[in-house]
Amino acid sequence: MELKDLFYGIQDFFVNVAFAPLDAIRSLQDSSWFAANLLNFVFIIIAACAFTYWCLQLNKFDKDEHHNIHG
């Protein structure tokens, strides 16, 4: 087996297996824009929830303890 075959195998895996769901989403774009972008909306919702949680934790930390960095 040559090193070239290894790289062709990696290419074959990603083109035919790993990115197959994304190809299906791309073909869905012609019929429904919302359905094609549903994955993006899910990621935006997850990021918004994580940002909100992070801000609430920062507020809780700031109210609970006041640190003096100078001793």
PDB file of N, CA and C in Angstrom:
ATOM      1  N   MET A   1       0.843  -1.176   0.000  1.00  0.00           N
ATOM      2  CA  MET A   1       0.000   0.000   0.000  1.00  0.00           C
ATOM      3  C   MET A   1       0.893   1.244   0.000  1.00  0.00           C
ATOM      4  N   GLU A   2       0.609   2.125  -0.898  1.00  0.00           N
ATOM      5  CA  GLU A   2       1.374   3.357  -0.982  1.00  0.00           C
ATOM      6  C   GLU A   2       0.708   4.443  -0.151  1.00  0.00           C
ATOM      7  N   LEU A   3       1.473   5.462   0.130  1.00  0.00           N
ATOM      8  CA  LEU A   3       0.941   6.593   0.880  1.00  0.00           C
ATOM      9  C   LEU A   3      -0.161   7.291   0.096  1.00  0.00           C
ATOM     10  N   LYS A   4      -0.051   7.253  -1.219  1.00  0.00           N
ATOM     11  CA  LYS A   4      -1.069   7.850  -2.085  1.00  0.00           C
ATOM     12  C   LYS A   4      -2.422   7.176  -1.861  1.00  0.00           C
ATOM     13  N   ASP A   5      -2.426   5.870  -1.682  1.00  0.00           N
ATOM     14  CA  ASP A   5      -3.673   5.134  -1.446  1.00  0.00           C
ATOM     15  C   ASP A   5      -4.324   5.540  -0.121  1.00  0.00           C
ATOM     16  N   LEU A   6      -3.504   5.821   0.878  1.00  0.00           N
ATOM     17  CA  LEU A   6      -4.037   6.271   2.157  1.00  0.00           C
ATOM     18  C   LEU A   6      -4.782   7.593   1.993  1.00  0.00           C
ATOM     19  N   PHE A   7      -4.174   8.528   1.270  1.00  0.00           N
ATOM     20  CA  PHE A   7      -4.826   9.818   1.071  1.00  0.00           C
ATOM     21  C   PHE A   7      -6.077   9.691   0.211  1.00  0.00           C
ATOM     22  N   TYR A   8      -6.064   8.809  -0.773  1.00  0.00           N
ATOM     23  CA  TYR A   8      -7.278   8.573  -1.558  1.00  0.00           C
ATOM     24  C   TYR A   8      -8.376   7.942  -0.701  1.00  0.00           C
ATOM     25  N   GLY A   9      -7.987   7.093   0.234  1.00  0.00           N
ATOM     26  CA  GLY A   9      -8.960   6.499   1.149  1.00  0.00           C
ATOM     27  C   GLY A   9      -9.591   7.543   2.054  1.00  0.00           C
ATOM     28  N   ILE A  10      -8.764   8.456   2.564  1.00  0.00           N
ATOM     29  CA  ILE A  10      -9.285   9.543   3.405  1.00  0.00           C
ATOM     30  C   ILE A  10     -10.239  10.416   2.597  1.00  0.00           C
ATOM     31  N   GLN A  11      -9.851  10.721   1.352  1.00  0.00           N
ATOM     32  CA  GLN A  11     -10.709  11.528   0.486  1.00  0.00           C
ATOM     33  C   GLN A  11     -12.031  10.816   0.232  1.00  0.00           C
ATOM     34  N   ASP A  12     -11.977   9.541  -0.058  1.00  0.00           N
ATOM     35  CA  ASP A  12     -13.178   8.776  -0.334  1.00  0.00           C
ATOM     36  C   ASP A  12     -14.111   8.758   0.878  1.00  0.00           C
ATOM     37  N   PHE A  13     -13.545   8.591   2.079  1.00  0.00           N
ATOM     38  CA  PHE A  13     -14.369   8.574   3.286  1.00  0.00           C
ATOM     39  C   PHE A  13     -15.107   9.901   3.465  1.00  0.00           C
ATOM     40  N   PHE A  14     -14.376  11.004   3.359  1.00  0.00           N
ATOM     41  CA  PHE A  14     -15.012  12.293   3.624  1.00  0.00           C
ATOM     42  C   PHE A  14     -15.991  12.687   2.529  1.00  0.00           C
ATOM     43  N   VAL A  15     -15.676  12.395   1.273  1.00  0.00           N
ATOM     44  CA  VAL A  15     -16.563  12.789   0.178  1.00  0.00           C
ATOM     45  C   VAL A  15     -17.822  11.933   0.153  1.00  0.00           C
ATOM     46  N   ASN A  16     -17.690  10.642   0.377  1.00  0.00           N
ATOM     47  CA  ASN A  16     -18.831   9.743   0.201  1.00  0.00           C
ATOM     48  C   ASN A  16     -19.566   9.395   1.487  1.00  0.00           C
ATOM     49  N   VAL A  17     -18.940   9.545   2.647  1.00  0.00           N
ATOM     50  CA  VAL A  17     -19.576   9.124   3.899  1.00  0.00           C
ATOM     51  C   VAL A  17     -19.816  10.302   4.845  1.00  0.00           C
ATOM     52  N   ALA A  18     -18.748  10.985   5.208  1.00  0.00           N
ATOM     53  CA  ALA A  18     -18.855  11.994   6.265  1.00  0.00           C
ATOM     54  C   ALA A  18     -19.672  13.207   5.836  1.00  0.00           C
ATOM     55  N   PHE A  19     -19.563  13.613   4.574  1.00  0.00           N
ATOM     56  CA  PHE A  19     -20.278  14.799   4.121  1.00  0.00           C
ATOM     57  C   PHE A  19     -21.581  14.480   3.405  1.00  0.00           C
ATOM     58  N   ALA A  20     -22.014  13.243   3.420  1.00  0.00           N
ATOM     59  CA  ALA A  20     -23.271  12.870   2.764  1.00  0.00           C
ATOM     60  C   ALA A  20     -24.482  13.601   3.360  1.00  0.00           C
ATOM     61  N   PRO A  21     -24.582  13.737   4.691  1.00  0.00           N
ATOM     62  CA  PRO A  21     -25.722  14.498   5.228  1.00  0.00           C
ATOM     63  C   PRO A  21     -25.728  15.956   4.774  1.00  0.00           C
ATOM     64  N   LEU A  22     -24.554  16.542   4.641  1.00  0.00           N
ATOM     65  CA  LEU A  22     -24.501  17.932   4.190  1.00  0.00           C
ATOM     66  C   LEU A  22     -24.889  18.055   2.728  1.00  0.00           C
ATOM     67  N   ASP A  23     -24.584  17.045   1.926  1.00  0.00           N
ATOM     68  CA  ASP A  23     -25.036  17.042   0.535  1.00  0.00           C
ATOM     69  C   ASP A  23     -26.558  16.967   0.463  1.00  0.00           C
ATOM     70  N   ALA A  24     -27.158  16.194   1.364  1.00  0.00           N
ATOM     71  CA  ALA A  24     -28.617  16.098   1.401  1.00  0.00           C
ATOM     72  C   ALA A  24     -29.237  17.438   1.783  1.00  0.00           C
ATOM     73  N   ILE A  25     -28.616  18.134   2.719  1.00  0.00           N
ATOM     74  CA  ILE A  25     -29.116  19.452   3.117  1.00  0.00           C
ATOM     75  C   ILE A  25     -28.988  20.438   1.951  1.00  0.00           C
ATOM     76  N   ARG A  26     -27.891  20.348   1.214  1.00  0.00           N
ATOM     77  CA  ARG A  26     -27.694  21.251   0.075  1.00  0.00           C
ATOM     78  C   ARG A  26     -28.744  21.011  -1.001  1.00  0.00           C
ATOM     79  N   SER A  27     -29.098  19.763  -1.234  1.00  0.00           N
ATOM     80  CA  SER A  27     -30.123  19.492  -2.237  1.00  0.00           C
ATOM     81  C   SER A  27     -31.516  19.910  -1.755  1.00  0.00           C
ATOM     82  N   LEU A  28     -31.694  19.977  -0.442  1.00  0.00           N
ATOM     83  CA  LEU A  28     -32.969  20.396   0.137  1.00  0.00           C
ATOM     84  C   LEU A  28     -33.199  21.894  -0.034  1.00  0.00           C
ATOM     85  N   GLN A  29     -32.143  22.647  -0.279  1.00  0.00           N
ATOM     86  CA  GLN A  29     -32.226  24.097  -0.374  1.00  0.00           C
ATOM     87  C   GLN A  29     -33.175  24.563  -1.478  1.00  0.00           C
ATOM     88  N   ASP A  30     -33.261  23.824  -2.573  1.00  0.00           N
ATOM     89  CA  ASP A  30     -34.132  24.230  -3.671  1.00  0.00           C
ATOM     90  C   ASP A  30     -35.606  24.177  -3.306  1.00  0.00           C
ATOM     91  N   SER A  31     -35.979  23.253  -2.423  1.00  0.00           N
ATOM     92  CA  SER A  31     -37.388  23.115  -2.087  1.00  0.00           C
ATOM     93  C   SER A  31     -37.795  23.925  -0.856  1.00  0.00           C
ATOM     94  N   SER A  32     -36.897  24.061   0.128  1.00  0.00           N
ATOM     95  CA  SER A  32     -37.263  24.780   1.346  1.00  0.00           C
ATOM     96  C   SER A  32     -36.025  25.427   1.955  1.00  0.00           C
ATOM     97  N   TRP A  33     -36.005  26.749   1.937  1.00  0.00           N
ATOM     98  CA  TRP A  33     -34.873  27.471   2.507  1.00  0.00           C
ATOM     99  C   TRP A  33     -34.792  27.251   4.005  1.00  0.00           C
ATOM    100  N   PHE A  34     -35.940  27.273   4.702  1.00  0.00           N
ATOM    101  CA  PHE A  34     -35.964  27.112   6.151  1.00  0.00           C
ATOM    102  C   PHE A  34     -35.441  25.744   6.566  1.00  0.00           C
ATOM    103  N   ALA A  35     -35.872  24.709   5.877  1.00  0.00           N
ATOM    104  CA  ALA A  35     -35.417  23.357   6.222  1.00  0.00           C
ATOM    105  C   ALA A  35     -33.919  23.199   5.973  1.00  0.00           C
ATOM    106  N   ALA A  36     -33.415  23.829   4.932  1.00  0.00           N
ATOM    107  CA  ALA A  36     -31.995  23.722   4.629  1.00  0.00           C
ATOM    108  C   ALA A  36     -31.152  24.439   5.677  1.00  0.00           C
ATOM    109  N   ASN A  37     -31.686  25.481   6.296  1.00  0.00           N
ATOM    110  CA  ASN A  37     -30.933  26.250   7.289  1.00  0.00           C
ATOM    111  C   ASN A  37     -31.295  25.885   8.724  1.00  0.00           C
ATOM    112  N   LEU A  38     -32.051  24.838   8.913  1.00  0.00           N
ATOM    113  CA  LEU A  38     -32.467  24.430  10.249  1.00  0.00           C
ATOM    114  C   LEU A  38     -31.262  24.106  11.135  1.00  0.00           C
ATOM    115  N   LEU A  39     -30.250  23.462  10.587  1.00  0.00           N
ATOM    116  CA  LEU A  39     -29.051  23.139  11.356  1.00  0.00           C
ATOM    117  C   LEU A  39     -28.368  24.413  11.848  1.00  0.00           C
ATOM    118  N   ASN A  40     -28.312  25.440  11.026  1.00  0.00           N
ATOM    119  CA  ASN A  40     -27.723  26.714  11.445  1.00  0.00           C
ATOM    120  C   ASN A  40     -28.528  27.340  12.570  1.00  0.00           C
ATOM    121  N   PHE A  41     -29.854  27.274  12.477  1.00  0.00           N
ATOM    122  CA  PHE A  41     -30.691  27.829  13.531  1.00  0.00           C
ATOM    123  C   PHE A  41     -30.477  27.094  14.853  1.00  0.00           C
ATOM    124  N   VAL A  42     -30.308  25.785  14.787  1.00  0.00           N
ATOM    125  CA  VAL A  42     -30.046  25.003  15.999  1.00  0.00           C
ATOM    126  C   VAL A  42     -28.726  25.445  16.626  1.00  0.00           C
ATOM    127  N   PHE A  43     -27.692  25.633  15.817  1.00  0.00           N
ATOM    128  CA  PHE A  43     -26.407  26.084  16.341  1.00  0.00           C
ATOM    129  C   PHE A  43     -26.520  27.484  16.950  1.00  0.00           C
ATOM    130  N   ILE A  44     -27.295  28.362  16.343  1.00  0.00           N
ATOM    131  CA  ILE A  44     -27.484  29.708  16.883  1.00  0.00           C
ATOM    132  C   ILE A  44     -28.194  29.652  18.232  1.00  0.00           C
ATOM    133  N   ILE A  45     -29.195  28.802  18.355  1.00  0.00           N
ATOM    134  CA  ILE A  45     -29.919  28.659  19.622  1.00  0.00           C
ATOM    135  C   ILE A  45     -28.999  28.109  20.706  1.00  0.00           C
ATOM    136  N   ILE A  46     -28.187  27.115  20.377  1.00  0.00           N
ATOM    137  CA  ILE A  46     -27.244  26.558  21.344  1.00  0.00           C
ATOM    138  C   ILE A  46     -26.243  27.626  21.785  1.00  0.00           C
ATOM    139  N   ALA A  47     -25.725  28.401  20.847  1.00  0.00           N
ATOM    140  CA  ALA A  47     -24.764  29.454  21.187  1.00  0.00           C
ATOM    141  C   ALA A  47     -25.412  30.525  22.051  1.00  0.00           C
ATOM    142  N   ALA A  48     -26.662  30.898  21.761  1.00  0.00           N
ATOM    143  CA  ALA A  48     -27.357  31.902  22.562  1.00  0.00           C
ATOM    144  C   ALA A  48     -27.594  31.394  23.987  1.00  0.00           C
ATOM    145  N   CYS A  49     -27.959  30.135  24.124  1.00  0.00           N
ATOM    146  CA  CYS A  49     -28.151  29.556  25.465  1.00  0.00           C
ATOM    147  C   CYS A  49     -26.834  29.517  26.236  1.00  0.00           C
ATOM    148  N   ALA A  50     -25.761  29.125  25.570  1.00  0.00           N
ATOM    149  CA  ALA A  50     -24.457  29.074  26.232  1.00  0.00           C
ATOM    150  C   ALA A  50     -24.004  30.477  26.644  1.00  0.00           C
ATOM    151  N   PHE A  51     -24.223  31.468  25.801  1.00  0.00           N
ATOM    152  CA  PHE A  51     -23.845  32.842  26.126  1.00  0.00           C
ATOM    153  C   PHE A  51     -24.654  33.371  27.308  1.00  0.00           C
ATOM    154  N   THR A  52     -25.949  33.070  27.330  1.00  0.00           N
ATOM    155  CA  THR A  52     -26.800  33.497  28.438  1.00  0.00           C
ATOM    156  C   THR A  52     -26.355  32.850  29.745  1.00  0.00           C
ATOM    157  N   TYR A  53     -26.077  31.550  29.700  1.00  0.00           N
ATOM    158  CA  TYR A  53     -25.600  30.846  30.895  1.00  0.00           C
ATOM    159  C   TYR A  53     -24.290  31.439  31.385  1.00  0.00           C
ATOM    160  N   TRP A  54     -23.392  31.735  30.465  1.00  0.00           N
ATOM    161  CA  TRP A  54     -22.091  32.300  30.811  1.00  0.00           C
ATOM    162  C   TRP A  54     -22.259  33.669  31.477  1.00  0.00           C
ATOM    163  N   CYS A  55     -23.133  34.513  30.924  1.00  0.00           N
ATOM    164  CA  CYS A  55     -23.369  35.834  31.511  1.00  0.00           C
ATOM    165  C   CYS A  55     -23.987  35.721  32.899  1.00  0.00           C
ATOM    166  N   LEU A  56     -24.921  34.798  33.094  1.00  0.00           N
ATOM    167  CA  LEU A  56     -25.529  34.605  34.409  1.00  0.00           C
ATOM    168  C   LEU A  56     -24.489  34.129  35.426  1.00  0.00           C
ATOM    169  N   GLN A  57     -23.608  33.241  35.013  1.00  0.00           N
ATOM    170  CA  GLN A  57     -22.552  32.773  35.910  1.00  0.00           C
ATOM    171  C   GLN A  57     -21.583  33.900  36.255  1.00  0.00           C
ATOM    172  N   LEU A  58     -21.275  34.763  35.293  1.00  0.00           N
ATOM    173  CA  LEU A  58     -20.403  35.899  35.575  1.00  0.00           C
ATOM    174  C   LEU A  58     -21.053  36.845  36.574  1.00  0.00           C
ATOM    175  N   ASN A  59     -22.349  37.092  36.426  1.00  0.00           N
ATOM    176  CA  ASN A  59     -23.065  37.948  37.378  1.00  0.00           C
ATOM    177  C   ASN A  59     -23.081  37.334  38.765  1.00  0.00           C
ATOM    178  N   LYS A  60     -23.333  36.042  38.853  1.00  0.00           N
ATOM    179  CA  LYS A  60     -23.359  35.352  40.144  1.00  0.00           C
ATOM    180  C   LYS A  60     -21.991  35.411  40.811  1.00  0.00           C
ATOM    181  N   PHE A  61     -20.941  35.201  40.055  1.00  0.00           N
ATOM    182  CA  PHE A  61     -19.589  35.258  40.599  1.00  0.00           C
ATOM    183  C   PHE A  61     -19.253  36.665  41.076  1.00  0.00           C
ATOM    184  N   ASP A  62     -19.668  37.654  40.313  1.00  0.00           N
ATOM    185  CA  ASP A  62     -19.370  39.043  40.671  1.00  0.00           C
ATOM    186  C   ASP A  62     -20.122  39.461  41.940  1.00  0.00           C
ATOM    187  N   LYS A  63     -21.338  38.985  42.125  1.00  0.00           N
ATOM    188  CA  LYS A  63     -22.114  39.343  43.311  1.00  0.00           C
ATOM    189  C   LYS A  63     -21.645  38.580  44.551  1.00  0.00           C
ATOM    190  N   ASP A  64     -21.203  37.336  44.386  1.00  0.00           N
ATOM    191  CA  ASP A  64     -20.818  36.506  45.523  1.00  0.00           C
ATOM    192  C   ASP A  64     -19.496  36.924  46.152  1.00  0.00           C
ATOM    193  N   GLU A  65     -18.502  37.171  45.345  1.00  0.00           N
ATOM    194  CA  GLU A  65     -17.169  37.410  45.864  1.00  0.00           C
ATOM    195  C   GLU A  65     -16.567  38.635  45.195  1.00  0.00           C
ATOM    196  N   HIS A  66     -15.964  39.457  46.032  1.00  0.00           N
ATOM    197  CA  HIS A  66     -15.231  40.603  45.497  1.00  0.00           C
ATOM    198  C   HIS A  66     -13.741  40.344  45.768  1.00  0.00           C
ATOM    199  N   HIS A  67     -13.025  40.108  44.715  1.00  0.00           N
ATOM    200  CA  HIS A  67     -11.606  39.776  44.855  1.00  0.00           C
ATOM    201  C   HIS A  67     -10.758  41.033  44.809  1.00  0.00           C
ATOM    202  N   ASN A  68      -9.783  41.047  45.648  1.00  0.00           N
ATOM    203  CA  ASN A  68      -8.821  42.141  45.642  1.00  0.00           C
ATOM    204  C   ASN A  68      -7.513  41.576  45.091  1.00  0.00           C
ATOM    205  N   ILE A  69      -7.126  41.982  43.894  1.00  0.00           N
ATOM    206  CA  ILE A  69      -5.952  41.398  43.274  1.00  0.00           C
ATOM    207  C   ILE A  69      -4.655  41.968  43.826  1.00  0.00           C
ATOM    208  N   HIS A  70      -4.737  43.036  44.646  1.00  0.00           N
ATOM    209  CA  HIS A  70      -3.517  43.655  45.165  1.00  0.00           C
ATOM    210  C   HIS A  70      -3.207  43.197  46.593  1.00  0.00           C
ATOM    211  N   GLY A  71      -3.890  42.209  47.073  1.00  0.00           N
ATOM    212  CA  GLY A  71      -3.518  41.668  48.364  1.00  0.00           C
ATOM    213  C   GLY A  71      -4.543  41.951  49.386  1.00  0.00           C
TER     214      GLY A  71
END
